[in-house]
Amino acid sequence: MSTVAFHTLGCKVNSYETEAIWQLFKANGYERVDFEQDGADVYVINTCTVTNTGDKKSRQVIRRAIRRNPDAIVAVTGCYAQTSPGEIAQIPGVDIIVGTQGREKLIEYVEQIRRERQPINAVTNIMKAREFEELEVPSFTDRTRASLKIQEGCNNFCTFCIIPWARGLMRSRKPESVLEQARKLVDAGYLEIVLTGIHTGGYGEDLENYNLAKLLVDLHQVEGLKRIRISSIEASQITDEVIDVINNSDRVCRHLHVPLQAGDDEVLKRMRRKYTTAEFYEKMVKVREALPGVALTTDVIVGFPGETEEQFQNTYDFIKKVGFAELHVFPYSMRTGTPAARMPDQIPEDVKHERVARLLELNQQLTLAYAQQFVGDVLEVIPERPYKEDPSSGMLMGYSDNYLNVVFPGDESMIGKICKVRLDEPGSEYCKGTFVRVLDNVRPVLLEGRAI
């Protein structure tokens, strides 16, 4: 039996796609082995290019795979492969380069390499892609939450972002395909589905009379599905229709990741974001009314070209005003080919890192303050794994519906089930709780008896 090893860099979409590629190899009789194990027959590296660090790490992992087994077939896919196939082709030992489209042919390329041993560059012009790449994942390796990719690409072209050039324009997955896979995932035992994509909230913009709100409604008809989590949604796409659906459902998780990027209107304008701070704040107020206790998490870029100390302070203050539950903080990374890379007043690296540190300190305060609200409450937690710091401690780790990472006593038979857990002690990294009971045979119902 041939063996294959995977390494994924970057976002949740990449993780989903790696699982989909594994399904292709699995169907063709491959055994999956650990990436760090010497001797895999095929190595697949799914790369990231969202920052310069992503590019660098991708190259390092590619070289590591080649050192592991110089005779192995090395296939490189993902965003860095899409935008910089020439750079990857210069690394001796790379056999196959596939971008962010056409991954269903990977097995075919591997067989071709075995016959001919001639490198294959299968990267195509992603801006011409108009169809969603159907890569189904019926189950996930070591995961109790299932991701379901519903769209690809982005039409926003923010001035700092390379992703449209790596992923192409918006393509939505057909609704019947989304619902079919959701049913399969529930049949496989998954209680929670995370809707994911490059621009998830834009789902349906390229479909006729269909959108994210209508998809959420249809997902409520999937029997046995307990939780629906939206991985990320832009403030401009939190429509009144979306808010109405989540307001009348107890399946949509009390957690929304809403990228802010900056809390200053001038910086937002230079970024070409589609909202002002006032509009963003208004949406967050509406979300909190629809989902009391919701965890609002966000992305922030610091050190964008021209960002003054005053503008950074505006971002700092705005983040406190919104009261996010968690921040993902990134120093601005110049991406060749984007408008921001050509802007004057690039910020020195030491200034960026100092501002990042200030926001990371604020993040710890915000995360702890959010968790403190729920001390004494009994939450529904789906344990995912034994406590990673001490797997033999008899403790489990998992996420509540409002995205609190909770550690509590339990055995591995409870993994993947919905557990009632009382939150006893808040924390900025994880909270501690007391196990109450496992929920059995609970069917999700809509609040107030409303039928969707």
Protein backbone atom coordinates (compact mmCIF):
# COMPACT_ATOMS: atom_id res chain seq x y z
CA MET A 1 0.00 0.00 0.00
CA SER A 2 1.37 3.43 -0.98
CA THR A 3 1.59 6.08 1.72
CA VAL A 4 0.82 9.82 1.64
CA ALA A 5 1.64 12.58 4.14
CA PHE A 6 0.11 16.06 4.34
CA HIS A 7 1.15 19.41 5.75
CA THR A 8 -1.30 22.32 5.81
CA LEU A 9 -0.37 25.97 6.25
CA GLY A 10 -2.77 28.87 6.63
CA CYS A 11 -6.50 29.07 7.06
CA LYS A 12 -9.45 26.79 7.78
CA VAL A 13 -10.26 26.62 4.07
CA ASN A 14 -6.85 25.06 3.47
CA SER A 15 -7.51 22.55 6.25
CA TYR A 16 -10.80 21.63 4.61
CA GLU A 17 -9.16 21.22 1.22
CA THR A 18 -6.38 19.04 2.63
CA GLU A 19 -9.04 16.73 4.02
CA ALA A 20 -10.73 16.68 0.61
CA ILE A 21 -7.44 15.81 -1.11
CA TRP A 22 -6.89 13.04 1.45
CA GLN A 23 -10.27 11.58 0.44
CA LEU A 24 -8.98 11.33 -3.15
CA PHE A 25 -5.88 9.42 -2.04
CA LYS A 26 -7.87 7.27 0.37
CA ALA A 27 -10.26 6.25 -2.41
CA ASN A 28 -7.23 5.14 -4.42
CA GLY A 29 -5.89 2.84 -1.72
CA TYR A 30 -3.36 5.10 0.02
CA GLU A 31 -2.52 4.95 3.71
CA ARG A 32 -2.09 8.28 5.49
CA VAL A 33 1.08 8.68 7.58
CA ASP A 34 2.47 11.45 9.74
CA PHE A 35 4.32 14.18 7.84
CA GLU A 36 7.32 13.94 10.13
CA GLN A 37 7.64 10.20 9.52
CA ASP A 38 10.43 9.29 7.10
CA GLY A 39 9.54 7.34 4.03
CA ALA A 40 6.14 8.53 2.78
CA ASP A 41 5.71 7.78 -0.94
CA VAL A 42 3.89 11.06 -1.61
CA TYR A 43 4.05 14.38 0.25
CA VAL A 44 1.32 16.99 -0.29
CA ILE A 45 2.00 20.52 0.99
CA ASN A 46 -0.98 22.89 1.04
CA THR A 47 0.55 26.36 1.07
CA CYS A 48 -0.39 29.86 2.26
CA THR A 49 0.50 33.26 0.82
CA VAL A 50 -1.54 35.69 2.92
CA THR A 51 1.71 37.13 4.34
CA ASN A 52 5.43 36.98 3.54
CA THR A 53 5.74 34.65 6.53
CA GLY A 54 3.28 32.28 4.84
CA ASP A 55 5.48 32.16 1.74
CA LYS A 56 8.61 31.54 3.79
CA LYS A 57 7.05 28.79 5.91
CA SER A 58 5.68 27.12 2.78
CA ARG A 59 9.17 26.95 1.23
CA GLN A 60 10.61 25.58 4.46
CA VAL A 61 8.01 22.80 4.65
CA ILE A 62 8.54 21.88 0.99
CA ARG A 63 12.29 21.49 1.56
CA ARG A 64 11.64 19.49 4.72
CA ALA A 65 9.49 17.01 2.79
CA ILE A 66 12.18 16.60 0.14
CA ARG A 67 14.79 15.89 2.85
CA ARG A 68 12.48 13.36 4.53
CA ASN A 69 12.49 11.16 1.43
CA PRO A 70 14.36 12.34 -1.69
CA ASP A 71 12.68 9.54 -3.68
CA ALA A 72 9.16 10.60 -2.74
CA ILE A 73 6.77 12.45 -5.05
CA VAL A 74 6.32 15.99 -3.71
CA ALA A 75 3.13 17.83 -4.68
CA VAL A 76 2.59 21.49 -3.77
CA THR A 77 -0.85 23.10 -3.86
CA GLY A 78 -2.68 26.07 -2.32
CA CYS A 79 -2.40 29.83 -2.50
CA TYR A 80 1.40 30.22 -2.67
CA ALA A 81 1.46 27.58 -5.42
CA GLN A 82 -1.18 29.59 -7.30
CA THR A 83 0.56 32.96 -7.08
CA SER A 84 4.23 31.89 -7.29
CA PRO A 85 4.57 28.61 -9.18
CA GLY A 86 7.87 29.78 -10.67
CA GLU A 87 9.45 30.19 -7.24
CA ILE A 88 8.32 26.73 -6.20
CA ALA A 89 9.51 25.15 -9.46
CA GLN A 90 13.03 26.37 -8.65
CA ILE A 91 13.15 24.16 -5.53
CA PRO A 92 14.89 20.92 -6.62
CA GLY A 93 12.74 17.92 -5.82
CA VAL A 94 9.28 19.41 -6.39
CA ASP A 95 7.35 17.17 -8.80
CA ILE A 96 3.84 18.61 -9.01
CA ILE A 97 2.52 22.17 -8.65
CA VAL A 98 -1.25 22.67 -8.54
CA GLY A 99 -2.84 25.95 -7.55
CA THR A 100 -6.28 26.45 -6.02
CA GLN A 101 -8.23 24.79 -8.82
CA GLY A 102 -8.03 21.34 -10.42
CA ARG A 103 -6.97 19.39 -7.33
CA GLU A 104 -9.24 16.50 -8.36
CA LYS A 105 -6.52 15.52 -10.86
CA LEU A 106 -3.79 15.07 -8.25
CA ILE A 107 -3.90 11.26 -8.33
CA GLU A 108 -3.64 11.37 -12.11
CA TYR A 109 -0.57 13.65 -11.84
CA VAL A 110 1.06 11.34 -9.28
CA GLU A 111 0.65 8.38 -11.63
CA GLN A 112 2.07 10.44 -14.50
CA ILE A 113 5.14 11.33 -12.40
CA ARG A 114 5.66 7.64 -11.60
CA ARG A 115 5.70 6.87 -15.31
CA GLU A 116 7.67 9.83 -16.66
CA ARG A 117 9.45 11.58 -13.72
CA GLN A 118 8.97 14.91 -15.47
CA PRO A 119 7.83 17.83 -13.28
CA ILE A 120 4.23 18.96 -13.78
CA ASN A 121 3.10 22.57 -13.43
CA ALA A 122 -0.71 22.42 -13.55
CA VAL A 123 -1.38 25.99 -12.34
CA THR A 124 -4.03 27.73 -14.47
CA ASN A 125 -5.36 31.30 -14.61
CA ILE A 126 -7.57 31.40 -11.53
CA MET A 127 -9.24 34.64 -12.61
CA LYS A 128 -10.97 32.70 -15.39
CA ALA A 129 -12.47 30.15 -12.99
CA ARG A 130 -16.26 30.44 -12.82
CA GLU A 131 -17.29 27.10 -11.29
CA PHE A 132 -16.98 26.06 -7.65
CA GLU A 133 -14.45 23.23 -7.27
CA GLU A 134 -16.46 20.34 -5.80
CA LEU A 135 -14.24 18.67 -3.20
CA GLU A 136 -16.38 16.64 -0.82
CA VAL A 137 -15.30 15.70 2.69
CA PRO A 138 -17.55 13.04 4.27
CA SER A 139 -15.43 12.89 7.44
CA PHE A 140 -12.46 14.62 9.06
CA THR A 141 -9.26 13.29 10.59
CA ASP A 142 -9.31 13.77 14.38
CA ARG A 143 -12.06 16.37 14.27
CA THR A 144 -15.38 16.55 16.13
CA ARG A 145 -16.54 19.67 14.32
CA ALA A 146 -17.08 19.37 10.59
CA SER A 147 -16.19 22.15 8.18
CA LEU A 148 -18.33 22.61 5.09
CA LYS A 149 -16.89 24.80 2.36
CA ILE A 150 -19.71 26.75 0.70
CA GLN A 151 -17.92 29.27 -1.52
CA GLU A 152 -14.61 30.17 -3.13
CA GLY A 153 -12.96 33.42 -4.16
CA CYS A 154 -13.50 37.10 -3.35
CA ASN A 155 -14.54 40.16 -5.36
CA ASN A 156 -13.54 42.80 -2.78
CA PHE A 157 -9.91 43.50 -3.77
CA CYS A 158 -8.95 45.21 -0.52
CA THR A 159 -5.76 47.17 -1.15
CA PHE A 160 -3.64 45.01 1.20
CA CYS A 161 -4.86 41.60 0.06
CA ILE A 162 -3.37 39.11 -2.42
CA ILE A 163 -6.13 36.52 -1.91
CA PRO A 164 -8.33 37.38 -4.95
CA TRP A 165 -5.27 36.68 -7.11
CA ALA A 166 -4.73 33.38 -5.29
CA ARG A 167 -8.38 32.28 -5.16
CA GLY A 168 -10.09 34.07 -8.03
CA LEU A 169 -13.53 35.66 -8.11
CA MET A 170 -16.58 34.66 -6.09
CA ARG A 171 -17.98 31.18 -6.83
CA SER A 172 -20.76 29.75 -4.67
CA ARG A 173 -21.39 26.06 -4.15
CA LYS A 174 -24.80 24.91 -5.38
CA PRO A 175 -27.32 24.85 -2.49
CA GLU A 176 -28.31 21.23 -3.15
CA SER A 177 -24.64 20.22 -2.94
CA VAL A 178 -24.18 22.05 0.39
CA LEU A 179 -27.28 20.44 1.87
CA GLU A 180 -26.35 16.98 0.60
CA GLN A 181 -22.94 17.16 2.24
CA ALA A 182 -24.47 18.56 5.44
CA ARG A 183 -26.74 15.50 5.64
CA LYS A 184 -23.78 13.18 5.04
CA LEU A 185 -21.79 14.87 7.80
CA VAL A 186 -24.67 14.51 10.27
CA ASP A 187 -25.05 10.85 9.24
CA ALA A 188 -21.33 10.45 9.99
CA GLY A 189 -21.98 11.62 13.55
CA TYR A 190 -21.07 15.32 13.44
CA LEU A 191 -23.25 17.55 15.60
CA GLU A 192 -21.71 20.86 14.54
CA ILE A 193 -21.02 22.16 11.05
CA VAL A 194 -18.79 25.18 10.43
CA LEU A 195 -19.67 27.00 7.23
CA THR A 196 -16.43 28.13 5.67
CA GLY A 197 -15.08 29.80 2.57
CA ILE A 198 -12.78 32.57 1.40
CA HIS A 199 -15.58 35.15 1.66
CA THR A 200 -18.24 33.09 3.43
CA GLY A 201 -20.75 35.88 4.00
CA GLY A 202 -20.85 36.59 0.27
CA TYR A 203 -22.36 33.18 -0.42
CA GLY A 204 -25.03 33.38 -3.11
CA GLU A 205 -23.98 36.71 -4.64
CA ASP A 206 -23.45 34.84 -7.91
CA LEU A 207 -26.63 32.74 -7.56
CA GLU A 208 -30.16 33.69 -8.57
CA ASN A 209 -32.55 34.48 -5.70
CA TYR A 210 -30.42 32.70 -3.12
CA ASN A 211 -28.09 33.90 -0.37
CA LEU A 212 -26.53 32.99 2.97
CA ALA A 213 -29.74 33.68 4.91
CA LYS A 214 -31.72 31.28 2.70
CA LEU A 215 -28.98 28.65 3.07
CA LEU A 216 -29.16 28.97 6.86
CA VAL A 217 -32.92 28.47 6.67
CA ASP A 218 -32.51 25.34 4.54
CA LEU A 219 -29.86 23.93 6.87
CA HIS A 220 -32.45 23.98 9.65
CA GLN A 221 -34.23 21.19 7.77
CA VAL A 222 -31.23 18.85 8.14
CA GLU A 223 -32.41 16.46 10.83
CA GLY A 224 -29.90 15.83 13.59
CA LEU A 225 -27.81 18.95 12.98
CA LYS A 226 -27.35 20.58 16.39
CA ARG A 227 -25.06 23.53 15.65
CA ILE A 228 -24.40 25.79 12.67
CA ARG A 229 -21.34 28.00 13.03
CA ILE A 230 -20.45 30.71 10.50
CA SER A 231 -16.66 30.80 10.25
CA SER A 232 -16.39 34.43 9.12
CA ILE A 233 -18.69 37.13 7.82
CA GLU A 234 -18.08 40.73 6.77
CA ALA A 235 -20.03 43.43 8.62
CA SER A 236 -21.51 44.59 5.31
CA GLN A 237 -22.95 41.10 4.76
CA ILE A 238 -24.73 40.86 8.11
CA THR A 239 -28.04 41.80 6.52
CA ASP A 240 -31.36 42.23 8.31
CA GLU A 241 -32.37 38.92 6.69
CA VAL A 242 -29.37 37.12 8.23
CA ILE A 243 -30.06 38.75 11.61
CA ASP A 244 -33.73 37.66 11.43
CA VAL A 245 -32.71 34.04 10.84
CA ILE A 246 -30.22 33.90 13.71
CA ASN A 247 -32.68 35.75 15.96
CA ASN A 248 -35.20 32.92 15.57
CA SER A 249 -32.90 29.91 15.68
CA ASP A 250 -31.20 27.99 18.47
CA ARG A 251 -28.90 26.18 16.05
CA VAL A 252 -26.80 29.16 14.92
CA CYS A 253 -23.92 29.40 17.38
CA ARG A 254 -23.47 32.48 19.55
CA HIS A 255 -20.20 33.23 17.80
CA LEU A 256 -19.49 35.42 14.79
CA HIS A 257 -16.04 36.23 13.42
CA VAL A 258 -16.37 39.67 11.82
CA PRO A 259 -13.11 41.06 10.35
CA LEU A 260 -12.58 44.69 11.37
CA GLN A 261 -8.99 45.23 10.10
CA ALA A 262 -8.91 48.84 11.42
CA GLY A 263 -10.94 51.00 13.76
CA ASP A 264 -10.19 54.29 12.02
CA ASP A 265 -12.25 55.55 9.09
CA GLU A 266 -9.32 57.00 7.13
CA VAL A 267 -7.39 53.74 7.36
CA LEU A 268 -10.50 51.75 6.39
CA LYS A 269 -10.90 53.97 3.33
CA ARG A 270 -7.28 53.40 2.27
CA MET A 271 -7.82 49.66 2.80
CA ARG A 272 -10.89 49.85 0.53
CA ARG A 273 -13.11 48.29 3.17
CA LYS A 274 -16.86 48.60 2.64
CA TYR A 275 -17.93 50.16 5.94
CA THR A 276 -17.22 52.95 8.39
CA THR A 277 -16.63 52.41 12.09
CA ALA A 278 -20.14 53.76 12.80
CA GLU A 279 -21.70 51.24 10.40
CA PHE A 280 -19.64 48.42 11.87
CA TYR A 281 -20.65 49.31 15.41
CA GLU A 282 -24.33 49.50 14.46
CA LYS A 283 -24.16 45.96 13.03
CA MET A 284 -22.54 44.64 16.19
CA VAL A 285 -25.36 46.16 18.29
CA LYS A 286 -27.94 44.40 16.10
CA VAL A 287 -26.06 41.09 16.34
CA ARG A 288 -25.97 41.32 20.14
CA GLU A 289 -29.71 41.95 20.21
CA ALA A 290 -30.29 38.84 18.07
CA LEU A 291 -27.76 36.65 19.90
CA PRO A 292 -27.43 37.72 23.56
CA GLY A 293 -24.05 36.69 24.92
CA VAL A 294 -22.58 36.32 21.45
CA ALA A 295 -18.80 36.03 21.12
CA LEU A 296 -17.68 38.59 18.56
CA THR A 297 -14.16 37.82 17.32
CA THR A 298 -12.22 39.75 14.71
CA ASP A 299 -9.09 40.30 12.62
CA VAL A 300 -6.99 43.47 12.96
CA ILE A 301 -4.11 44.66 10.79
CA VAL A 302 -1.71 47.10 12.45
CA GLY A 303 0.90 49.23 10.76
CA PHE A 304 -1.00 49.69 7.51
CA PRO A 305 0.83 52.22 5.28
CA GLY A 306 0.30 55.73 6.62
CA GLU A 307 -1.21 54.60 9.94
CA THR A 308 -0.41 57.34 12.43
CA GLU A 309 -0.16 56.86 16.18
CA GLU A 310 -3.50 58.67 16.50
CA GLN A 311 -5.13 56.34 13.97
CA PHE A 312 -3.76 53.29 15.76
CA GLN A 313 -5.12 54.67 19.04
CA ASN A 314 -8.52 55.09 17.35
CA THR A 315 -8.39 51.38 16.44
CA TYR A 316 -7.39 50.47 20.01
CA ASP A 317 -10.24 52.52 21.47
CA PHE A 318 -12.79 51.22 18.96
CA ILE A 319 -11.89 47.60 19.77
CA LYS A 320 -12.54 48.33 23.46
CA LYS A 321 -15.82 50.04 22.60
CA VAL A 322 -17.08 47.02 20.63
CA GLY A 323 -15.88 44.64 23.34
CA PHE A 324 -14.65 41.79 21.16
CA ALA A 325 -14.21 38.37 22.75
CA GLU A 326 -10.98 37.66 20.86
CA LEU A 327 -8.61 39.43 18.45
CA HIS A 328 -6.47 37.95 15.71
CA VAL A 329 -3.75 40.56 15.30
CA PHE A 330 -1.45 40.80 12.27
CA PRO A 331 1.31 43.27 11.40
CA TYR A 332 0.77 44.61 7.88
CA SER A 333 2.65 42.46 5.37
CA MET A 334 3.53 44.01 2.01
CA ARG A 335 2.29 41.81 -0.86
CA THR A 336 3.83 42.57 -4.26
CA GLY A 337 1.16 43.50 -6.79
CA THR A 338 -1.30 44.99 -4.31
CA PRO A 339 -2.05 48.75 -4.20
CA ALA A 340 -0.96 49.01 -0.55
CA ALA A 341 2.53 47.81 -1.48
CA ARG A 342 2.93 50.95 -3.60
CA MET A 343 1.61 53.35 -0.96
CA PRO A 344 3.97 55.88 0.65
CA ASP A 345 4.66 56.02 4.38
CA GLN A 346 5.31 52.32 4.95
CA ILE A 347 5.50 51.74 8.72
CA PRO A 348 8.81 50.53 10.23
CA GLU A 349 8.79 46.95 11.51
CA ASP A 350 9.63 47.93 15.10
CA VAL A 351 6.60 50.25 15.21
CA LYS A 352 4.36 47.48 13.87
CA HIS A 353 5.58 45.00 16.46
CA GLU A 354 5.12 47.47 19.30
CA ARG A 355 1.52 48.08 18.22
CA VAL A 356 0.90 44.34 17.83
CA ALA A 357 2.12 43.82 21.40
CA ARG A 358 -0.28 46.45 22.72
CA LEU A 359 -3.23 44.82 20.99
CA LEU A 360 -2.22 41.34 22.16
CA GLU A 361 -2.20 42.64 25.74
CA LEU A 362 -5.65 44.14 25.17
CA ASN A 363 -6.78 40.83 23.68
CA GLN A 364 -5.96 39.00 26.92
CA GLN A 365 -8.03 41.52 28.89
CA LEU A 366 -10.98 41.26 26.50
CA THR A 367 -10.95 37.45 26.37
CA LEU A 368 -10.92 37.21 30.17
CA ALA A 369 -13.66 39.83 30.53
CA TYR A 370 -15.88 38.00 28.06
CA ALA A 371 -15.42 34.65 29.83
CA GLN A 372 -16.13 36.17 33.25
CA GLN A 373 -19.70 36.93 32.18
CA PHE A 374 -20.51 33.21 32.14
CA VAL A 375 -19.08 32.05 35.48
CA GLY A 376 -21.74 29.89 37.12
CA ASP A 377 -23.65 29.35 33.86
CA VAL A 378 -24.20 25.87 32.47
CA LEU A 379 -23.02 25.81 28.85
CA GLU A 380 -23.26 23.23 26.10
CA VAL A 381 -19.76 22.02 25.19
CA ILE A 382 -18.71 19.49 22.56
CA PRO A 383 -15.42 18.01 23.82
CA GLU A 384 -12.90 17.56 21.01
CA ARG A 385 -9.91 15.89 22.66
CA PRO A 386 -8.19 15.14 25.97
CA TYR A 387 -6.62 18.15 27.66
CA LYS A 388 -3.51 18.68 25.54
CA GLU A 389 -1.25 19.82 28.40
CA ASP A 390 -1.85 16.55 30.27
CA PRO A 391 -3.70 13.90 28.23
CA SER A 392 -3.71 11.47 31.16
CA SER A 393 -5.35 13.91 33.59
CA GLY A 394 -8.90 12.74 32.91
CA MET A 395 -9.78 16.19 31.55
CA LEU A 396 -11.37 17.02 28.20
CA MET A 397 -11.22 20.19 26.09
CA GLY A 398 -13.94 21.55 23.84
CA TYR A 399 -15.77 24.65 22.69
CA SER A 400 -19.07 25.96 23.93
CA ASP A 401 -21.51 27.34 21.36
CA ASN A 402 -20.23 30.83 22.23
CA TYR A 403 -16.64 29.81 21.52
CA LEU A 404 -15.29 29.48 25.04
CA ASN A 405 -12.53 26.86 25.23
CA VAL A 406 -13.51 24.82 28.28
CA VAL A 407 -11.54 22.15 30.18
CA PHE A 408 -13.58 19.80 32.38
CA PRO A 409 -13.45 16.25 33.85
CA GLY A 410 -14.60 13.50 31.52
CA ASP A 411 -13.64 10.36 29.64
CA GLU A 412 -12.99 9.89 25.94
CA SER A 413 -16.39 8.26 25.36
CA MET A 414 -17.84 11.79 25.69
CA ILE A 415 -15.78 13.24 22.83
CA GLY A 416 -18.04 14.51 20.05
CA LYS A 417 -21.17 14.58 22.24
CA ILE A 418 -22.95 17.63 23.60
CA CYS A 419 -22.16 17.97 27.31
CA LYS A 420 -23.68 20.30 29.87
CA VAL A 421 -20.77 21.95 31.71
CA ARG A 422 -20.86 24.57 34.45
CA LEU A 423 -18.21 27.25 33.94
CA ASP A 424 -16.29 27.69 37.20
CA GLU A 425 -13.12 29.60 36.38
CA PRO A 426 -12.55 31.98 33.44
CA GLY A 427 -9.23 32.26 31.62
CA SER A 428 -7.68 34.05 28.67
CA GLU A 429 -6.55 30.75 27.10
CA TYR A 430 -9.12 28.32 28.44
CA CYS A 431 -11.81 28.14 31.12
CA LYS A 432 -12.30 25.44 33.74
CA GLY A 433 -15.66 23.80 34.27
CA THR A 434 -17.56 21.03 36.04
CA PHE A 435 -19.27 18.29 34.03
CA VAL A 436 -23.03 18.12 34.58
CA ARG A 437 -24.41 15.62 32.08
CA VAL A 438 -24.41 14.44 28.46
CA LEU A 439 -27.37 15.44 26.32
CA ASP A 440 -28.89 12.39 24.63
CA ASN A 441 -31.34 12.35 21.74
CA VAL A 442 -31.86 16.10 21.80
CA ARG A 443 -33.23 17.48 18.57
CA PRO A 444 -32.57 21.15 17.84
CA VAL A 445 -35.71 23.28 17.84
CA LEU A 446 -36.40 26.86 16.87
CA LEU A 447 -37.04 29.40 19.60
CA GLU A 448 -40.55 30.63 20.25
CA GLY A 449 -41.99 27.76 18.22
CA ARG A 450 -41.41 29.61 14.95
CA ALA A 451 -41.02 27.40 11.90
CA ILE A 452 -38.42 28.38 9.38
